Protein backbone atom coordinates (compact mmCIF):
# COMPACT_ATOMS: atom_id res chain seq x y z
CA MET A 1 30.74 -37.04 8.75
CA LEU A 2 31.60 -39.06 5.65
CA ALA A 3 28.98 -37.19 3.64
CA ASP A 4 30.26 -33.84 4.89
CA LEU A 5 33.97 -34.51 4.40
CA GLY A 6 33.70 -36.31 1.04
CA ASP A 7 36.46 -38.08 -0.85
CA GLU A 8 39.30 -36.48 1.08
CA CYS A 9 38.56 -38.37 4.32
CA ARG A 10 39.17 -42.02 5.18
CA VAL A 11 37.51 -44.38 7.63
CA ILE A 12 39.86 -45.98 10.13
CA ALA A 13 39.04 -49.25 11.88
CA GLY A 14 42.01 -51.44 12.84
CA GLY A 15 44.36 -49.22 10.84
CA THR A 16 46.78 -52.00 9.89
CA ALA A 17 46.57 -51.21 6.16
CA LEU A 18 45.61 -47.54 6.29
CA MET A 19 48.49 -46.45 8.51
CA LEU A 20 51.01 -48.22 6.29
CA ALA A 21 49.53 -46.59 3.17
CA MET A 22 49.70 -43.16 4.84
CA ARG A 23 53.26 -43.72 5.99
CA GLN A 24 54.24 -44.54 2.41
CA ARG A 25 52.31 -41.47 1.15
CA MET A 26 50.06 -43.67 -0.97
CA LEU A 27 47.12 -41.99 0.78
CA THR A 28 47.04 -38.47 2.20
CA PRO A 29 43.54 -37.93 3.66
CA THR A 30 42.61 -34.61 5.21
CA HIS A 31 40.57 -36.34 7.94
CA LEU A 32 40.28 -39.77 9.56
CA VAL A 33 36.88 -40.92 10.80
CA SER A 34 37.30 -43.55 13.53
CA LEU A 35 34.70 -46.28 13.91
CA GLY A 36 36.20 -47.75 17.08
CA MET A 37 33.39 -46.76 19.45
CA LEU A 38 30.52 -48.04 17.28
CA GLN A 39 29.50 -51.17 19.18
CA SER A 40 26.81 -52.05 16.63
CA LEU A 41 29.58 -52.84 14.12
CA LYS A 42 31.11 -55.49 16.37
CA GLY A 43 30.27 -59.07 17.26
CA ILE A 44 29.41 -62.46 15.79
CA ASP A 45 26.03 -64.17 16.02
CA TYR A 46 24.28 -67.06 14.33
CA ASP A 47 20.67 -67.94 13.65
CA GLU A 48 19.57 -71.26 12.13
CA THR A 49 17.24 -69.41 9.76
CA ARG A 50 19.25 -66.31 8.85
CA GLY A 51 22.74 -67.74 9.24
CA LEU A 52 25.90 -65.95 10.33
CA ARG A 53 26.34 -62.23 10.99
CA ILE A 54 29.83 -60.79 11.49
CA GLY A 55 30.14 -57.12 12.41
CA ALA A 56 32.56 -55.20 10.21
CA LEU A 57 34.76 -54.27 13.20
CA THR A 58 35.25 -57.91 14.24
CA LEU A 59 38.93 -58.79 14.44
CA HIS A 60 40.40 -61.60 12.34
CA ALA A 61 41.47 -63.31 15.58
CA GLU A 62 37.90 -63.14 16.88
CA VAL A 63 36.61 -64.82 13.72
CA ALA A 64 39.29 -67.52 14.01
CA ARG A 65 38.53 -68.44 17.63
CA SER A 66 34.73 -68.03 17.52
CA PRO A 67 33.00 -71.31 18.52
CA ILE A 68 30.10 -70.32 16.25
CA VAL A 69 32.34 -69.93 13.20
CA GLN A 70 34.35 -73.04 14.02
CA MET A 71 31.18 -75.12 14.30
CA HIS A 72 29.23 -73.92 11.27
CA TYR A 73 31.91 -72.52 8.94
CA PRO A 74 35.24 -74.23 9.79
CA MET A 75 36.79 -73.10 6.48
CA LEU A 76 36.25 -69.48 7.51
CA ALA A 77 37.79 -70.04 10.94
CA SER A 78 40.78 -71.80 9.36
CA MET A 79 41.32 -68.94 6.93
CA ALA A 80 41.04 -66.25 9.61
CA ALA A 81 43.66 -68.05 11.74
CA ARG A 82 46.18 -67.64 8.90
CA VAL A 83 45.61 -64.01 7.89
CA ALA A 84 48.90 -62.08 7.78
CA ASN A 85 50.54 -62.40 11.23
CA PRO A 86 49.44 -62.41 14.90
CA GLN A 87 49.80 -58.63 15.21
CA VAL A 88 47.49 -57.99 12.24
CA ARG A 89 45.01 -60.68 13.29
CA ASN A 90 44.63 -59.06 16.71
CA GLN A 91 44.32 -55.51 15.38
CA GLY A 92 42.90 -55.70 11.87
CA THR A 93 39.17 -56.04 11.16
CA ILE A 94 37.48 -58.25 8.62
CA GLY A 95 35.41 -55.33 7.35
CA GLY A 96 38.46 -53.14 6.93
CA ASN A 97 40.16 -55.93 5.01
CA LEU A 98 37.31 -56.10 2.51
CA CYS A 99 37.12 -52.32 2.12
CA TYR A 100 40.86 -52.00 1.45
CA ALA A 101 40.39 -54.57 -1.37
CA ASP A 102 44.01 -55.70 -1.39
CA PRO A 103 44.13 -58.48 -4.01
CA ALA A 104 46.84 -60.40 -2.12
CA THR A 105 44.86 -61.14 1.02
CA ASP A 106 42.82 -64.04 2.34
CA PRO A 107 39.24 -63.15 3.38
CA PRO A 108 37.68 -62.03 0.05
CA GLY A 109 38.15 -65.32 -1.83
CA CYS A 110 37.10 -67.43 1.13
CA LEU A 111 33.95 -65.35 1.66
CA MET A 112 33.19 -65.53 -2.06
CA ALA A 113 33.29 -69.33 -1.96
CA LEU A 114 30.84 -69.17 0.96
CA ASP A 115 28.53 -66.92 -1.11
CA ALA A 116 28.72 -64.21 1.54
CA GLU A 117 26.92 -60.90 1.36
CA VAL A 118 27.88 -57.53 2.80
CA VAL A 119 25.65 -54.83 4.20
CA VAL A 120 26.64 -51.31 3.16
CA THR A 121 25.26 -48.46 5.26
CA GLY A 122 25.06 -44.81 4.20
CA THR A 123 23.03 -41.66 4.44
CA GLN A 124 20.42 -43.16 2.09
CA GLY A 125 20.03 -46.38 4.11
CA ASP A 126 21.35 -49.91 3.71
CA ARG A 127 22.35 -51.87 0.62
CA VAL A 128 22.95 -55.63 0.57
CA MET A 129 25.24 -57.06 -2.09
CA GLY A 130 27.34 -60.13 -2.80
CA ILE A 131 31.12 -60.08 -2.49
CA GLU A 132 31.44 -60.23 -6.28
CA GLU A 133 29.35 -57.08 -6.62
CA PHE A 134 31.18 -55.32 -3.77
CA LEU A 135 34.72 -55.86 -5.10
CA ILE A 136 34.97 -53.79 -8.27
CA ASP A 137 38.66 -53.78 -9.18
CA TYR A 138 42.21 -53.54 -7.87
CA TYR A 139 41.88 -51.75 -4.48
CA THR A 140 38.40 -50.56 -5.52
CA THR A 141 34.99 -51.36 -3.99
CA ALA A 142 31.37 -50.36 -4.61
CA LEU A 143 31.34 -48.09 -1.54
CA ALA A 144 30.14 -44.53 -2.14
CA PRO A 145 31.95 -41.72 -0.29
CA ASP A 146 29.14 -41.52 2.30
CA GLU A 147 28.94 -45.28 2.93
CA LEU A 148 30.69 -47.83 5.10
CA LEU A 149 30.54 -51.60 5.35
CA SER A 150 28.54 -52.53 8.45
CA GLU A 151 28.30 -56.34 8.47
CA ILE A 152 28.95 -59.59 6.62
CA ARG A 153 26.26 -62.23 6.21
CA ILE A 154 26.54 -65.89 5.29
CA ALA A 155 23.51 -68.15 4.82
CA PRO A 156 23.18 -71.30 6.98
CA PRO A 157 25.16 -74.19 5.50
CA GLU A 158 23.11 -76.93 3.89
CA PRO A 159 23.56 -80.50 5.19
CA GLY A 160 26.56 -82.18 3.64
CA THR A 161 28.37 -78.91 2.91
CA THR A 162 32.11 -78.75 3.52
CA GLY A 163 34.81 -76.29 2.52
CA VAL A 164 38.58 -75.96 2.19
CA TYR A 165 40.73 -72.84 1.95
CA SER A 166 44.33 -73.19 0.70
CA ARG A 167 47.07 -70.69 -0.02
CA PHE A 168 50.57 -70.66 -1.47
CA LEU A 169 53.36 -68.55 0.02
CA ARG A 170 56.68 -68.15 -1.75
CA THR A 171 58.54 -68.46 1.56
CA ALA A 172 57.55 -69.40 5.10
CA ALA A 173 58.31 -65.83 6.20
CA GLU A 174 55.80 -64.26 3.80
CA HIS A 175 52.41 -63.14 5.06
CA ARG A 176 50.71 -62.42 1.74
CA PRO A 177 49.68 -65.38 -0.42
CA LEU A 178 50.83 -65.53 -4.01
CA ALA A 179 47.83 -67.71 -4.84
CA SER A 180 44.78 -68.87 -2.92
CA VAL A 181 41.88 -71.19 -3.66
CA ALA A 182 38.67 -71.60 -1.67
CA ALA A 183 36.11 -74.30 -2.44
CA SER A 184 32.79 -75.07 -0.79
CA ALA A 185 30.70 -78.05 -1.87
CA ARG A 186 27.59 -79.97 -0.93
CA ARG A 187 28.48 -83.59 -1.39
CA SER A 188 27.73 -87.15 -0.35
CA GLY A 189 30.77 -89.41 -0.48
CA ARG A 190 32.41 -88.64 -3.81
CA GLY A 191 29.22 -87.32 -5.34
CA CYS A 192 29.28 -83.55 -5.88
CA HIS A 193 25.86 -81.92 -5.86
CA PHE A 194 26.95 -78.29 -5.81
CA ILE A 195 30.27 -76.48 -5.61
CA ARG A 196 31.66 -72.94 -5.49
CA ILE A 197 35.34 -72.30 -6.35
CA ALA A 198 37.08 -68.95 -5.90
CA VAL A 199 40.66 -67.95 -6.72
CA GLY A 200 42.37 -65.04 -5.00
CA ALA A 201 45.75 -63.31 -4.67
CA SER A 202 46.83 -64.11 -8.26
CA THR A 203 44.08 -62.02 -9.87
CA PRO A 204 43.19 -58.31 -9.50
CA ILE A 205 40.07 -59.31 -7.56
CA PRO A 206 38.90 -62.74 -6.34
CA LEU A 207 37.19 -64.69 -9.09
CA ARG A 208 34.48 -67.37 -9.15
CA LEU A 209 35.38 -70.18 -11.53
CA ARG A 210 31.99 -71.11 -12.90
CA ARG A 211 33.14 -73.34 -15.77
CA ALA A 212 35.06 -75.55 -13.34
CA GLU A 213 32.07 -75.53 -10.99
CA ALA A 214 29.76 -76.71 -13.77
CA PHE A 215 32.28 -79.39 -14.73
CA LEU A 216 32.16 -80.90 -11.21
CA ALA A 217 28.52 -80.31 -10.27
CA GLU A 218 26.28 -83.38 -10.23
CA SER A 219 29.17 -85.72 -10.96
CA GLU A 220 30.99 -88.62 -9.34
CA VAL A 221 34.36 -87.18 -8.42
CA THR A 222 37.67 -88.92 -9.10
CA SER A 223 41.26 -87.74 -8.80
CA ASP A 224 41.51 -87.43 -12.58
CA ARG A 225 38.32 -85.38 -12.78
CA LEU A 226 39.58 -83.03 -10.08
CA SER A 227 42.85 -82.61 -11.98
CA GLU A 228 40.84 -81.65 -15.08
CA ALA A 229 38.87 -79.16 -13.00
CA ALA A 230 42.12 -77.63 -11.72
CA ASP A 231 43.29 -77.26 -15.34
CA ILE A 232 40.05 -75.42 -16.13
CA VAL A 233 40.56 -73.13 -13.13
CA ALA A 234 44.08 -72.25 -14.27
CA ALA A 235 42.97 -71.68 -17.85
CA ASP A 236 40.09 -69.37 -16.92
CA ILE A 237 41.99 -66.81 -14.83
CA GLU A 238 43.88 -63.72 -15.98
CA PRO A 239 46.75 -63.65 -13.47
CA VAL A 240 48.62 -60.49 -12.63
CA SER A 241 52.34 -60.17 -13.25
CA ASP A 242 54.53 -58.22 -10.83
CA GLN A 243 57.74 -58.40 -8.85
CA ARG A 244 56.33 -61.17 -6.67
CA GLY A 245 55.60 -63.49 -9.57
CA ALA A 246 55.09 -63.60 -13.34
CA ALA A 247 51.64 -64.32 -14.71
CA GLU A 248 52.42 -67.83 -15.97
CA TYR A 249 54.12 -68.75 -12.70
CA ARG A 250 50.99 -67.66 -10.84
CA ARG A 251 48.83 -69.66 -13.24
CA ASP A 252 50.89 -72.78 -12.56
CA MET A 253 50.65 -72.23 -8.80
CA VAL A 254 46.89 -71.74 -9.01
CA ARG A 255 46.63 -75.05 -10.87
CA VAL A 256 48.60 -76.84 -8.16
CA VAL A 257 46.75 -75.21 -5.26
CA ALA A 258 43.36 -75.80 -6.91
CA ARG A 259 44.10 -79.48 -7.40
CA ARG A 260 45.27 -79.94 -3.81
CA THR A 261 42.27 -78.01 -2.48
CA LEU A 262 39.77 -80.09 -4.45
CA LEU A 263 41.45 -83.37 -3.48
CA GLU A 264 41.24 -82.39 0.18
CA LEU A 265 37.65 -81.21 -0.19
CA PHE A 266 36.55 -84.63 -1.46
CA GLY A 267 38.82 -86.65 0.82
CA LEU A 268 41.01 -87.92 -2.00
CA HIS A 269 44.32 -86.40 -0.87
CA HIS A 270 44.95 -89.46 1.33
CA ASP A 271 44.67 -91.69 -1.76
CA GLU A 272 47.17 -89.46 -3.53
CA GLU A 273 49.61 -89.64 -0.64
CA GLY A 274 49.27 -93.41 -0.46
CA ALA A 275 50.04 -93.73 -4.13
CA ARG A 276 53.38 -91.98 -3.90
CA PRO A 277 56.50 -94.15 -4.11
């Protein structure tokens, strides 16, 4: 159907973003292709060799409360429990979220820090690509008109791997983060063996911060070193500027959120709190 109808149709899953865009006349498709009855696109399973598989039609709430996700990828469960609001979490799908490619949302950056892959299915078969390859630009993905996202894959976590996802909201009533930082590291005590850092919401697409990662990898972490890493993160992004926040304000917030995220990741936030007057 997608191949036959072409660019003028849209896939509908949970519909939480698509219906709003249609109501505001941002999108005016001639046809909607519903995926709701495709059971193969639903469900969560885990294999010690292959890792985690999340069907594209899995709800955010299902990811958040999954015992499998909570056990093996607690950062992902924590993120999913904070997406938007309860109505969206119980209606919206994680695959639909990625395909909409809204820059001010939670899953893409978190999945990037977990080095997740997506499976794209079309008339020519399947393609597997990383999140960085899938997210092309502002509201733009690598999907061809005759393709849809079918599942998300995350490799099994290595021993000693932990992760933290943090976000900044301008007010408690807001549902869309102004800045978000996700970090996943393999560590022993304060020794960092490997780390992935991703920034979202303040940039057109989520961004891996490889210079900051290299700065922390294979090092003995201290509060001062993490502060330097947060400075590198803030310096290496190109933040957007809009009515929700100017570019330099977003850069400052990313610096703060990155520092807090890294301190929590390495268990140093308690030292910081204890040092306050």
